[in-house]
Amino acid sequence: MKAKKTIKYPEIKPVALELREAVTMPGVGLTIPVRAAKAKLSALLDLVAGGQEITITSDGKPKAVLSPVGKRETRKVFTGMGDYLMKQPVHGGPSAEEIVREDRDGRGW
C-alpha cells in the first residue's frame, strides 16, 4: 500500500469587502441596488451577520431590508378549546336536560 501524501495549501488572508454600488442614505442606512445585491449576496450576508442592516433598492426605491436574525418572541401554545372554554365564566340557568324535559312536559309527551 502506498503512503498518503499530505498537501499544504497556502493560507488565504481575508480580503476587505468592496461594495462600490453601496450607498449610505440618510434615514435608510446602507443601500444597494438589486443587481449588485444578487452578485454580492454572500458578502452582504456576512455584513448582516455582523449586525449591519442593508436596504435593497430597485429603480432607486427601497424594496427589501436584510436584517440580522434576532431572538424571536415565543408564541403562545394552543392548549385547545376545552381549556379555553373551561376558563370562561359559567352562565347560570337551567341545564339542557331540564329545558328538554320542560318542553316535553309542556307538549304532553
PDB file of N, CA and C in Angstrom:
ATOM      1  N   MET A   1       0.823  -1.173   0.000  1.00  0.00           N
ATOM      2  CA  MET A   1       0.000   0.000   0.000  1.00  0.00           C
ATOM      3  C   MET A   1       0.875   1.248   0.000  1.00  0.00           C
ATOM      4  N   LYS A   2       0.473   2.246  -0.765  1.00  0.00           N
ATOM      5  CA  LYS A   2       1.253   3.472  -0.852  1.00  0.00           C
ATOM      6  C   LYS A   2       0.944   4.392   0.323  1.00  0.00           C
ATOM      7  N   ALA A   3       1.937   5.160   0.733  1.00  0.00           N
ATOM      8  CA  ALA A   3       1.759   6.129   1.809  1.00  0.00           C
ATOM      9  C   ALA A   3       1.021   7.358   1.270  1.00  0.00           C
ATOM     10  N   LYS A   4       0.157   7.916   2.116  1.00  0.00           N
ATOM     11  CA  LYS A   4      -0.606   9.099   1.696  1.00  0.00           C
ATOM     12  C   LYS A   4       0.274  10.332   1.758  1.00  0.00           C
ATOM     13  N   LYS A   5       0.135  11.181   0.756  1.00  0.00           N
ATOM     14  CA  LYS A   5       0.883  12.428   0.726  1.00  0.00           C
ATOM     15  C   LYS A   5       0.010  13.534   1.320  1.00  0.00           C
ATOM     16  N   THR A   6       0.623  14.344   2.126  1.00  0.00           N
ATOM     17  CA  THR A   6      -0.079  15.476   2.714  1.00  0.00           C
ATOM     18  C   THR A   6       0.240  16.718   1.896  1.00  0.00           C
ATOM     19  N   ILE A   7      -0.811  17.388   1.467  1.00  0.00           N
ATOM     20  CA  ILE A   7      -0.638  18.599   0.668  1.00  0.00           C
ATOM     21  C   ILE A   7      -0.983  19.795   1.540  1.00  0.00           C
ATOM     22  N   LYS A   8      -0.099  20.770   1.580  1.00  0.00           N
ATOM     23  CA  LYS A   8      -0.355  22.001   2.322  1.00  0.00           C
ATOM     24  C   LYS A   8      -0.628  23.119   1.329  1.00  0.00           C
ATOM     25  N   TYR A   9      -1.777  23.736   1.516  1.00  0.00           N
ATOM     26  CA  TYR A   9      -2.138  24.860   0.668  1.00  0.00           C
ATOM     27  C   TYR A   9      -1.765  26.155   1.373  1.00  0.00           C
ATOM     28  N   PRO A  10      -1.419  27.192   0.612  1.00  0.00           N
ATOM     29  CA  PRO A  10      -1.072  28.467   1.245  1.00  0.00           C
ATOM     30  C   PRO A  10      -2.313  29.072   1.921  1.00  0.00           C
ATOM     31  N   GLU A  11      -2.081  29.758   3.029  1.00  0.00           N
ATOM     32  CA  GLU A  11      -3.179  30.400   3.746  1.00  0.00           C
ATOM     33  C   GLU A  11      -3.753  31.535   2.919  1.00  0.00           C
ATOM     34  N   ILE A  12      -5.046  31.642   2.963  1.00  0.00           N
ATOM     35  CA  ILE A  12      -5.731  32.725   2.254  1.00  0.00           C
ATOM     36  C   ILE A  12      -6.113  33.770   3.292  1.00  0.00           C
ATOM     37  N   LYS A  13      -5.644  34.967   3.089  1.00  0.00           N
ATOM     38  CA  LYS A  13      -5.960  36.044   4.012  1.00  0.00           C
ATOM     39  C   LYS A  13      -7.295  36.662   3.603  1.00  0.00           C
ATOM     40  N   PRO A  14      -8.128  37.023   4.596  1.00  0.00           N
ATOM     41  CA  PRO A  14      -9.415  37.631   4.257  1.00  0.00           C
ATOM     42  C   PRO A  14      -9.225  38.960   3.543  1.00  0.00           C
ATOM     43  N   VAL A  15     -10.036  39.163   2.525  1.00  0.00           N
ATOM     44  CA  VAL A  15      -9.972  40.386   1.731  1.00  0.00           C
ATOM     45  C   VAL A  15     -11.114  41.283   2.165  1.00  0.00           C
ATOM     46  N   ALA A  16     -10.841  42.562   2.282  1.00  0.00           N
ATOM     47  CA  ALA A  16     -11.875  43.512   2.668  1.00  0.00           C
ATOM     48  C   ALA A  16     -12.964  43.548   1.606  1.00  0.00           C
ATOM     49  N   LEU A  17     -14.197  43.628   2.062  1.00  0.00           N
ATOM     50  CA  LEU A  17     -15.342  43.641   1.169  1.00  0.00           C
ATOM     51  C   LEU A  17     -15.407  44.969   0.427  1.00  0.00           C
ATOM     52  N   GLU A  18     -15.563  44.881  -0.879  1.00  0.00           N
ATOM     53  CA  GLU A  18     -15.631  46.090  -1.684  1.00  0.00           C
ATOM     54  C   GLU A  18     -16.995  46.149  -2.356  1.00  0.00           C
ATOM     55  N   LEU A  19     -17.808  47.068  -1.912  1.00  0.00           N
ATOM     56  CA  LEU A  19     -19.130  47.278  -2.499  1.00  0.00           C
ATOM     57  C   LEU A  19     -19.171  48.686  -3.082  1.00  0.00           C
ATOM     58  N   ARG A  20     -18.825  48.792  -4.318  1.00  0.00           N
ATOM     59  CA  ARG A  20     -18.784  50.105  -4.953  1.00  0.00           C
ATOM     60  C   ARG A  20     -20.187  50.666  -5.147  1.00  0.00           C
ATOM     61  N   GLU A  21     -21.166  49.777  -5.330  1.00  0.00           N
ATOM     62  CA  GLU A  21     -22.527  50.218  -5.619  1.00  0.00           C
ATOM     63  C   GLU A  21     -23.292  50.623  -4.364  1.00  0.00           C
ATOM     64  N   ALA A  22     -22.788  50.239  -3.189  1.00  0.00           N
ATOM     65  CA  ALA A  22     -23.489  50.528  -1.940  1.00  0.00           C
ATOM     66  C   ALA A  22     -23.371  52.001  -1.591  1.00  0.00           C
ATOM     67  N   VAL A  23     -24.482  52.551  -1.111  1.00  0.00           N
ATOM     68  CA  VAL A  23     -24.550  53.965  -0.745  1.00  0.00           C
ATOM     69  C   VAL A  23     -25.251  54.066   0.603  1.00  0.00           C
ATOM     70  N   THR A  24     -24.807  54.983   1.437  1.00  0.00           N
ATOM     71  CA  THR A  24     -25.485  55.229   2.700  1.00  0.00           C
ATOM     72  C   THR A  24     -26.435  56.400   2.516  1.00  0.00           C
ATOM     73  N   MET A  25     -27.728  56.139   2.740  1.00  0.00           N
ATOM     74  CA  MET A  25     -28.753  57.174   2.585  1.00  0.00           C
ATOM     75  C   MET A  25     -29.239  57.597   3.962  1.00  0.00           C
ATOM     76  N   PRO A  26     -29.465  58.899   4.164  1.00  0.00           N
ATOM     77  CA  PRO A  26     -29.948  59.358   5.469  1.00  0.00           C
ATOM     78  C   PRO A  26     -31.336  58.795   5.764  1.00  0.00           C
ATOM     79  N   GLY A  27     -31.511  58.286   6.963  1.00  0.00           N
ATOM     80  CA  GLY A  27     -32.786  57.730   7.376  1.00  0.00           C
ATOM     81  C   GLY A  27     -33.021  56.309   6.915  1.00  0.00           C
ATOM     82  N   VAL A  28     -32.232  55.817   5.963  1.00  0.00           N
ATOM     83  CA  VAL A  28     -32.414  54.461   5.436  1.00  0.00           C
ATOM     84  C   VAL A  28     -31.228  53.588   5.823  1.00  0.00           C
ATOM     85  N   GLY A  29     -30.043  54.129   5.757  1.00  0.00           N
ATOM     86  CA  GLY A  29     -28.845  53.367   6.073  1.00  0.00           C
ATOM     87  C   GLY A  29     -28.154  52.892   4.806  1.00  0.00           C
ATOM     88  N   LEU A  30     -27.469  51.766   4.905  1.00  0.00           N
ATOM     89  CA  LEU A  30     -26.725  51.211   3.780  1.00  0.00           C
ATOM     90  C   LEU A  30     -27.702  50.655   2.752  1.00  0.00           C
ATOM     91  N   THR A  31     -27.603  51.126   1.500  1.00  0.00           N
ATOM     92  CA  THR A  31     -28.486  50.650   0.433  1.00  0.00           C
ATOM     93  C   THR A  31     -27.651  50.124  -0.719  1.00  0.00           C
ATOM     94  N   ILE A  32     -28.239  49.164  -1.440  1.00  0.00           N
ATOM     95  CA  ILE A  32     -27.551  48.573  -2.575  1.00  0.00           C
ATOM     96  C   ILE A  32     -28.591  48.190  -3.609  1.00  0.00           C
ATOM     97  N   PRO A  33     -28.310  48.409  -4.898  1.00  0.00           N
ATOM     98  CA  PRO A  33     -29.262  48.012  -5.939  1.00  0.00           C
ATOM     99  C   PRO A  33     -29.414  46.495  -6.007  1.00  0.00           C
ATOM    100  N   VAL A  34     -30.558  46.044  -6.491  1.00  0.00           N
ATOM    101  CA  VAL A  34     -30.869  44.626  -6.513  1.00  0.00           C
ATOM    102  C   VAL A  34     -29.862  43.826  -7.355  1.00  0.00           C
ATOM    103  N   ARG A  35     -29.396  44.373  -8.471  1.00  0.00           N
ATOM    104  CA  ARG A  35     -28.427  43.650  -9.306  1.00  0.00           C
ATOM    105  C   ARG A  35     -27.112  43.428  -8.575  1.00  0.00           C
ATOM    106  N   ALA A  36     -26.651  44.447  -7.875  1.00  0.00           N
ATOM    107  CA  ALA A  36     -25.412  44.310  -7.109  1.00  0.00           C
ATOM    108  C   ALA A  36     -25.618  43.366  -5.927  1.00  0.00           C
ATOM    109  N   ALA A  37     -26.810  43.395  -5.341  1.00  0.00           N
ATOM    110  CA  ALA A  37     -27.102  42.506  -4.216  1.00  0.00           C
ATOM    111  C   ALA A  37     -27.084  41.051  -4.657  1.00  0.00           C
ATOM    112  N   LYS A  38     -27.601  40.774  -5.854  1.00  0.00           N
ATOM    113  CA  LYS A  38     -27.577  39.406  -6.368  1.00  0.00           C
ATOM    114  C   LYS A  38     -26.141  38.941  -6.579  1.00  0.00           C
ATOM    115  N   ALA A  39     -25.292  39.829  -7.056  1.00  0.00           N
ATOM    116  CA  ALA A  39     -23.906  39.468  -7.341  1.00  0.00           C
ATOM    117  C   ALA A  39     -23.085  39.314  -6.061  1.00  0.00           C
ATOM    118  N   LYS A  40     -23.428  40.029  -5.007  1.00  0.00           N
ATOM    119  CA  LYS A  40     -22.638  40.051  -3.775  1.00  0.00           C
ATOM    120  C   LYS A  40     -23.411  39.512  -2.568  1.00  0.00           C
ATOM    121  N   LEU A  41     -24.347  38.583  -2.795  1.00  0.00           N
ATOM    122  CA  LEU A  41     -25.213  38.122  -1.719  1.00  0.00           C
ATOM    123  C   LEU A  41     -24.434  37.530  -0.541  1.00  0.00           C
ATOM    124  N   SER A  42     -23.449  36.711  -0.812  1.00  0.00           N
ATOM    125  CA  SER A  42     -22.678  36.104   0.286  1.00  0.00           C
ATOM    126  C   SER A  42     -21.993  37.170   1.131  1.00  0.00           C
ATOM    127  N   ALA A  43     -21.428  38.163   0.499  1.00  0.00           N
ATOM    128  CA  ALA A  43     -20.763  39.242   1.228  1.00  0.00           C
ATOM    129  C   ALA A  43     -21.782  40.042   2.033  1.00  0.00           C
ATOM    130  N   LEU A  44     -22.955  40.275   1.456  1.00  0.00           N
ATOM    131  CA  LEU A  44     -23.998  41.015   2.169  1.00  0.00           C
ATOM    132  C   LEU A  44     -24.459  40.230   3.397  1.00  0.00           C
ATOM    133  N   LEU A  45     -24.577  38.913   3.260  1.00  0.00           N
ATOM    134  CA  LEU A  45     -24.982  38.097   4.400  1.00  0.00           C
ATOM    135  C   LEU A  45     -23.946  38.145   5.518  1.00  0.00           C
ATOM    136  N   ASP A  46     -22.675  38.239   5.157  1.00  0.00           N
ATOM    137  CA  ASP A  46     -21.630  38.385   6.171  1.00  0.00           C
ATOM    138  C   ASP A  46     -21.786  39.704   6.914  1.00  0.00           C
ATOM    139  N   LEU A  47     -22.098  40.765   6.179  1.00  0.00           N
ATOM    140  CA  LEU A  47     -22.327  42.069   6.817  1.00  0.00           C
ATOM    141  C   LEU A  47     -23.532  42.011   7.751  1.00  0.00           C
ATOM    142  N   VAL A  48     -24.595  41.383   7.281  1.00  0.00           N
ATOM    143  CA  VAL A  48     -25.818  41.286   8.083  1.00  0.00           C
ATOM    144  C   VAL A  48     -25.553  40.460   9.341  1.00  0.00           C
ATOM    145  N   ALA A  49     -24.782  39.393   9.210  1.00  0.00           N
ATOM    146  CA  ALA A  49     -24.448  38.567  10.372  1.00  0.00           C
ATOM    147  C   ALA A  49     -23.654  39.372  11.398  1.00  0.00           C
ATOM    148  N   GLY A  50     -22.939  40.378  10.945  1.00  0.00           N
ATOM    149  CA  GLY A  50     -22.187  41.251  11.834  1.00  0.00           C
ATOM    150  C   GLY A  50     -23.021  42.338  12.476  1.00  0.00           C
ATOM    151  N   GLY A  51     -24.321  42.380  12.160  1.00  0.00           N
ATOM    152  CA  GLY A  51     -25.208  43.355  12.791  1.00  0.00           C
ATOM    153  C   GLY A  51     -25.633  44.502  11.895  1.00  0.00           C
ATOM    154  N   GLN A  52     -25.130  44.570  10.682  1.00  0.00           N
ATOM    155  CA  GLN A  52     -25.463  45.658   9.746  1.00  0.00           C
ATOM    156  C   GLN A  52     -26.824  45.396   9.108  1.00  0.00           C
ATOM    157  N   GLU A  53     -27.635  46.419   8.967  1.00  0.00           N
ATOM    158  CA  GLU A  53     -28.905  46.315   8.266  1.00  0.00           C
ATOM    159  C   GLU A  53     -28.735  46.905   6.875  1.00  0.00           C
ATOM    160  N   ILE A  54     -29.183  46.192   5.845  1.00  0.00           N
ATOM    161  CA  ILE A  54     -28.971  46.612   4.459  1.00  0.00           C
ATOM    162  C   ILE A  54     -30.312  46.709   3.749  1.00  0.00           C
ATOM    163  N   THR A  55     -30.516  47.810   3.023  1.00  0.00           N
ATOM    164  CA  THR A  55     -31.731  48.005   2.254  1.00  0.00           C
ATOM    165  C   THR A  55     -31.425  47.746   0.782  1.00  0.00           C
ATOM    166  N   ILE A  56     -32.244  46.921   0.148  1.00  0.00           N
ATOM    167  CA  ILE A  56     -32.080  46.623  -1.274  1.00  0.00           C
ATOM    168  C   ILE A  56     -33.065  47.484  -2.050  1.00  0.00           C
ATOM    169  N   THR A  57     -32.547  48.166  -3.082  1.00  0.00           N
ATOM    170  CA  THR A  57     -33.385  49.082  -3.858  1.00  0.00           C
ATOM    171  C   THR A  57     -33.555  48.586  -5.283  1.00  0.00           C
ATOM    172  N   SER A  58     -34.648  49.025  -5.883  1.00  0.00           N
ATOM    173  CA  SER A  58     -34.909  48.768  -7.298  1.00  0.00           C
ATOM    174  C   SER A  58     -35.444  50.060  -7.881  1.00  0.00           C
ATOM    175  N   ASP A  59     -34.821  50.540  -8.916  1.00  0.00           N
ATOM    176  CA  ASP A  59     -35.153  51.837  -9.512  1.00  0.00           C
ATOM    177  C   ASP A  59     -35.079  52.963  -8.483  1.00  0.00           C
ATOM    178  N   GLY A  60     -34.139  52.847  -7.553  1.00  0.00           N
ATOM    179  CA  GLY A  60     -33.927  53.896  -6.562  1.00  0.00           C
ATOM    180  C   GLY A  60     -34.919  53.883  -5.414  1.00  0.00           C
ATOM    181  N   LYS A  61     -35.851  52.930  -5.406  1.00  0.00           N
ATOM    182  CA  LYS A  61     -36.853  52.852  -4.337  1.00  0.00           C
ATOM    183  C   LYS A  61     -36.567  51.636  -3.465  1.00  0.00           C
ATOM    184  N   PRO A  62     -36.637  51.801  -2.143  1.00  0.00           N
ATOM    185  CA  PRO A  62     -36.399  50.656  -1.254  1.00  0.00           C
ATOM    186  C   PRO A  62     -37.441  49.561  -1.485  1.00  0.00           C
ATOM    187  N   LYS A  63     -36.961  48.315  -1.632  1.00  0.00           N
ATOM    188  CA  LYS A  63     -37.857  47.188  -1.879  1.00  0.00           C
ATOM    189  C   LYS A  63     -37.798  46.148  -0.766  1.00  0.00           C
ATOM    190  N   ALA A  64     -36.629  45.957  -0.140  1.00  0.00           N
ATOM    191  CA  ALA A  64     -36.485  44.944   0.904  1.00  0.00           C
ATOM    192  C   ALA A  64     -35.381  45.358   1.868  1.00  0.00           C
ATOM    193  N   VAL A  65     -35.430  44.767   3.054  1.00  0.00           N
ATOM    194  CA  VAL A  65     -34.416  45.034   4.068  1.00  0.00           C
ATOM    195  C   VAL A  65     -33.837  43.709   4.539  1.00  0.00           C
ATOM    196  N   LEU A  66     -32.517  43.615   4.514  1.00  0.00           N
ATOM    197  CA  LEU A  66     -31.826  42.468   5.092  1.00  0.00           C
ATOM    198  C   LEU A  66     -31.413  42.874   6.499  1.00  0.00           C
ATOM    199  N   SER A  67     -31.877  42.127   7.482  1.00  0.00           N
ATOM    200  CA  SER A  67     -31.525  42.462   8.861  1.00  0.00           C
ATOM    201  C   SER A  67     -31.116  41.199   9.596  1.00  0.00           C
ATOM    202  N   PRO A  68     -30.294  41.342  10.635  1.00  0.00           N
ATOM    203  CA  PRO A  68     -29.829  40.175  11.367  1.00  0.00           C
ATOM    204  C   PRO A  68     -30.981  39.474  12.078  1.00  0.00           C
ATOM    205  N   VAL A  69     -30.859  38.176  12.182  1.00  0.00           N
ATOM    206  CA  VAL A  69     -31.870  37.397  12.885  1.00  0.00           C
ATOM    207  C   VAL A  69     -31.643  37.583  14.370  1.00  0.00           C
ATOM    208  N   GLY A  70     -32.668  38.041  15.037  1.00  0.00           N
ATOM    209  CA  GLY A  70     -32.570  38.246  16.477  1.00  0.00           C
ATOM    210  C   GLY A  70     -33.347  37.170  17.205  1.00  0.00           C
ATOM    211  N   LYS A  71     -33.362  37.302  18.486  1.00  0.00           N
ATOM    212  CA  LYS A  71     -34.109  36.356  19.291  1.00  0.00           C
ATOM    213  C   LYS A  71     -35.592  36.636  19.078  1.00  0.00           C
ATOM    214  N   ARG A  72     -36.302  35.630  18.596  1.00  0.00           N
ATOM    215  CA  ARG A  72     -37.727  35.809  18.304  1.00  0.00           C
ATOM    216  C   ARG A  72     -38.555  35.580  19.557  1.00  0.00           C
ATOM    217  N   GLU A  73     -39.678  36.291  19.598  1.00  0.00           N
ATOM    218  CA  GLU A  73     -40.594  36.104  20.712  1.00  0.00           C
ATOM    219  C   GLU A  73     -41.268  34.745  20.563  1.00  0.00           C
ATOM    220  N   THR A  74     -41.425  34.073  21.670  1.00  0.00           N
ATOM    221  CA  THR A  74     -42.097  32.789  21.607  1.00  0.00           C
ATOM    222  C   THR A  74     -43.595  33.000  21.543  1.00  0.00           C
ATOM    223  N   ARG A  75     -44.248  32.160  20.778  1.00  0.00           N
ATOM    224  CA  ARG A  75     -45.701  32.260  20.632  1.00  0.00           C
ATOM    225  C   ARG A  75     -46.386  31.499  21.754  1.00  0.00           C
ATOM    226  N   LYS A  76     -47.640  31.887  21.995  1.00  0.00           N
ATOM    227  CA  LYS A  76     -48.426  31.164  22.971  1.00  0.00           C
ATOM    228  C   LYS A  76     -48.770  29.790  22.402  1.00  0.00           C
ATOM    229  N   VAL A  77     -48.712  28.803  23.240  1.00  0.00           N
ATOM    230  CA  VAL A  77     -49.011  27.442  22.820  1.00  0.00           C
ATOM    231  C   VAL A  77     -50.521  27.258  22.861  1.00  0.00           C
ATOM    232  N   PHE A  78     -51.087  26.720  21.770  1.00  0.00           N
ATOM    233  CA  PHE A  78     -52.519  26.455  21.719  1.00  0.00           C
ATOM    234  C   PHE A  78     -52.820  25.263  22.607  1.00  0.00           C
ATOM    235  N   THR A  79     -53.637  25.483  23.619  1.00  0.00           N
ATOM    236  CA  THR A  79     -53.942  24.416  24.561  1.00  0.00           C
ATOM    237  C   THR A  79     -55.256  23.733  24.254  1.00  0.00           C
ATOM    238  N   GLY A  80     -55.945  24.177  23.244  1.00  0.00           N
ATOM    239  CA  GLY A  80     -57.201  23.529  22.861  1.00  0.00           C
ATOM    240  C   GLY A  80     -58.399  24.326  23.324  1.00  0.00           C
ATOM    241  N   MET A  81     -59.512  24.052  22.704  1.00  0.00           N
ATOM    242  CA  MET A  81     -60.741  24.774  23.031  1.00  0.00           C
ATOM    243  C   MET A  81     -61.281  24.385  24.399  1.00  0.00           C
ATOM    244  N   GLY A  82     -61.031  23.144  24.830  1.00  0.00           N
ATOM    245  CA  GLY A  82     -61.539  22.704  26.125  1.00  0.00           C
ATOM    246  C   GLY A  82     -61.006  23.572  27.246  1.00  0.00           C
ATOM    247  N   ASP A  83     -59.712  23.812  27.241  1.00  0.00           N
ATOM    248  CA  ASP A  83     -59.122  24.661  28.283  1.00  0.00           C
ATOM    249  C   ASP A  83     -59.655  26.081  28.189  1.00  0.00           C
ATOM    250  N   TYR A  84     -59.827  26.570  26.969  1.00  0.00           N
ATOM    251  CA  TYR A  84     -60.342  27.923  26.781  1.00  0.00           C
ATOM    252  C   TYR A  84     -61.758  28.026  27.332  1.00  0.00           C
ATOM    253  N   LEU A  85     -62.583  27.064  26.984  1.00  0.00           N
ATOM    254  CA  LEU A  85     -63.979  27.111  27.429  1.00  0.00           C
ATOM    255  C   LEU A  85     -64.085  26.938  28.941  1.00  0.00           C
ATOM    256  N   MET A  86     -63.217  26.136  29.527  1.00  0.00           N
ATOM    257  CA  MET A  86     -63.263  25.941  30.974  1.00  0.00           C
ATOM    258  C   MET A  86     -62.894  27.218  31.729  1.00  0.00           C
ATOM    259  N   LYS A  87     -62.146  28.109  31.082  1.00  0.00           N
ATOM    260  CA  LYS A  87     -61.760  29.366  31.723  1.00  0.00           C
ATOM    261  C   LYS A  87     -62.861  30.418  31.644  1.00  0.00           C
ATOM    262  N   GLN A  88     -63.861  30.193  30.809  1.00  0.00           N
ATOM    263  CA  GLN A  88     -64.940  31.154  30.647  1.00  0.00           C
ATOM    264  C   GLN A  88     -65.874  31.096  31.859  1.00  0.00           C
ATOM    265  N   PRO A  89     -66.466  32.253  32.220  1.00  0.00           N
ATOM    266  CA  PRO A  89     -67.381  32.240  33.364  1.00  0.00           C
ATOM    267  C   PRO A  89     -68.625  31.409  33.025  1.00  0.00           C
ATOM    268  N   VAL A  90     -69.133  30.739  34.026  1.00  0.00           N
ATOM    269  CA  VAL A  90     -70.312  29.892  33.831  1.00  0.00           C
ATOM    270  C   VAL A  90     -71.543  30.789  33.872  1.00  0.00           C
ATOM    271  N   HIS A  91     -72.378  30.656  32.862  1.00  0.00           N
ATOM    272  CA  HIS A  91     -73.618  31.418  32.811  1.00  0.00           C
ATOM    273  C   HIS A  91     -74.690  30.554  33.464  1.00  0.00           C
ATOM    274  N   GLY A  92     -75.253  30.980  34.571  1.00  0.00           N
ATOM    275  CA  GLY A  92     -76.259  30.185  35.288  1.00  0.00           C
ATOM    276  C   GLY A  92     -77.455  29.856  34.403  1.00  0.00           C
ATOM    277  N   GLY A  93     -78.445  29.259  34.982  1.00  0.00           N
ATOM    278  CA  GLY A  93     -79.637  28.899  34.242  1.00  0.00           C
ATOM    279  C   GLY A  93     -79.808  27.404  34.203  1.00  0.00           C
ATOM    280  N   PRO A  94     -80.919  26.975  33.649  1.00  0.00           N
ATOM    281  CA  PRO A  94     -81.205  25.539  33.625  1.00  0.00           C
ATOM    282  C   PRO A  94     -80.295  24.798  32.648  1.00  0.00           C
ATOM    283  N   SER A  95     -80.093  23.524  32.918  1.00  0.00           N
ATOM    284  CA  SER A  95     -79.271  22.706  32.037  1.00  0.00           C
ATOM    285  C   SER A  95     -80.078  22.331  30.805  1.00  0.00           C
ATOM    286  N   ALA A  96     -79.434  21.782  29.802  1.00  0.00           N
ATOM    287  CA  ALA A  96     -80.107  21.376  28.567  1.00  0.00           C
ATOM    288  C   ALA A  96     -81.130  20.288  28.862  1.00  0.00           C
ATOM    289  N   GLU A  97     -80.792  19.382  29.760  1.00  0.00           N
ATOM    290  CA  GLU A  97     -81.719  18.292  30.109  1.00  0.00           C
ATOM    291  C   GLU A  97     -83.000  18.845  30.722  1.00  0.00           C
ATOM    292  N   GLU A  98     -82.853  19.838  31.585  1.00  0.00           N
ATOM    293  CA  GLU A  98     -84.035  20.446  32.213  1.00  0.00           C
ATOM    294  C   GLU A  98     -84.899  21.160  31.185  1.00  0.00           C
ATOM    295  N   ILE A  99     -84.290  21.821  30.230  1.00  0.00           N
ATOM    296  CA  ILE A  99     -85.044  22.539  29.193  1.00  0.00           C
ATOM    297  C   ILE A  99     -85.814  21.552  28.326  1.00  0.00           C
ATOM    298  N   VAL A 100     -85.160  20.449  27.932  1.00  0.00           N
ATOM    299  CA  VAL A 100     -85.824  19.447  27.100  1.00  0.00           C
ATOM    300  C   VAL A 100     -86.985  18.804  27.867  1.00  0.00           C
ATOM    301  N   ARG A 101     -86.773  18.465  29.129  1.00  0.00           N
ATOM    302  CA  ARG A 101     -87.820  17.852  29.939  1.00  0.00           C
ATOM    303  C   ARG A 101     -89.016  18.789  30.076  1.00  0.00           C
ATOM    304  N   GLU A 102     -88.749  20.094  30.292  1.00  0.00           N
ATOM    305  CA  GLU A 102     -89.828  21.082  30.410  1.00  0.00           C
ATOM    306  C   GLU A 102     -90.607  21.189  29.113  1.00  0.00           C
ATOM    307  N   ASP A 103     -89.880  21.167  27.966  1.00  0.00           N
ATOM    308  CA  ASP A 103     -90.527  21.250  26.667  1.00  0.00           C
ATOM    309  C   ASP A 103     -91.418  20.025  26.433  1.00  0.00           C
ATOM    310  N   ARG A 104     -90.933  18.841  26.763  1.00  0.00           N
ATOM    311  CA  ARG A 104     -91.721  17.614  26.588  1.00  0.00           C
ATOM    312  C   ARG A 104     -92.959  17.626  27.486  1.00  0.00           C
ATOM    313  N   ASP A 105     -92.759  18.068  28.719  1.00  0.00           N
ATOM    314  CA  ASP A 105     -93.903  18.127  29.653  1.00  0.00           C
ATOM    315  C   ASP A 105     -94.951  19.129  29.166  1.00  0.00           C
ATOM    316  N   GLY A 106     -94.509  20.212  28.564  1.00  0.00           N
ATOM    317  CA  GLY A 106     -95.426  21.228  28.047  1.00  0.00           C
ATOM    318  C   GLY A 106     -96.231  20.729  26.870  1.00  0.00           C
ATOM    319  N   ARG A 107     -95.708  19.797  26.100  1.00  0.00           N
ATOM    320  CA  ARG A 107     -96.397  19.249  24.951  1.00  0.00           C
ATOM    321  C   ARG A 107     -97.235  18.035  25.310  1.00  0.00           C
ATOM    322  N   GLY A 108     -97.056  17.568  26.519  1.00  0.00           N
ATOM    323  CA  GLY A 108     -97.851  16.421  26.963  1.00  0.00           C
ATOM    324  C   GLY A 108     -97.287  15.090  26.525  1.00  0.00           C
ATOM    325  N   TRP A 109     -96.020  14.969  26.289  1.00  0.00           N
ATOM    326  CA  TRP A 109     -95.426  13.691  25.875  1.00  0.00           C
ATOM    327  C   TRP A 109     -95.223  12.815  27.049  1.00  0.00           C
TER     328      TRP A 109
END
